[in-house]
Amino acid sequence: MAKNKEKITKVDLSESKPKKGLFKKIFASKSEQKKILQIIKNKNIDNLFFYTDVNNLLIILENGIQLVKEKIVGNNEEYIVWTYLEHKESIGLEFETSTRAHFWKWATNSNVDVERISVIGINPYKLADLSKNDWAYDSTKKIIYVYETIPVEAIEYIMIKDKSNLKRIQTFVDANDIDIDVFYGESGNIDKKEKK
């Protein structure tokens, strides 16, 4: 008698949440998040990284990091979606210990101007406290997927490579009393701009 093998379909975690049965929804609502936090603890990771265009930072500081389907920009505003981590249904985050090989390959293939890259450091524990939904982890890509807006309160710092925008972002952070450090980063080094 031939055995029927279950057909395994690989779910693209960037496009949809993993399916959970009723039992898991009720009793293990954030089970993946707990597993991810354990990985973070075991690897001594302080922050998760989100990459974006420097011109997106003011919108992010006003609204958090939103899902693409939730983004609303004003008439005179522009938001540049980088498909590496931004999707209709999810926001991807990398471990700070990542080699960033996947990101640099994507950036090169997408002709991204490296001077426009900004790195946002997300505190995973604050994010966990503020999250309502479970997360997912793609072990192949080494990306954590969050299925809701990442609040500004979870952002620990912003690293900017573009000096012309550094002062503008720092002024906005200071004027709005936002508890985020703003750094200037050049060739992998980060120089902290002290708050006044």
Foldseek 3Di string as FASTA:
>chain_A
DDDDDDDDDDDDCLADPDDDDPCCVPPVFAVQLVVVVVVCVVVVFFWWKAKAFQLCVVVCLVFFAFAPCPDDDDPPGDGDDQVPAHHNFWGKIATPPDPCPVVVVSCVVVVPDVQRMKMWTFGSVVQVVVAPGYWHADPVVRIIIHGGGRHLLRTAEMEHQHPVCQVVSLVVCLVVVRNHWYWYDDPRDTDTDDDD
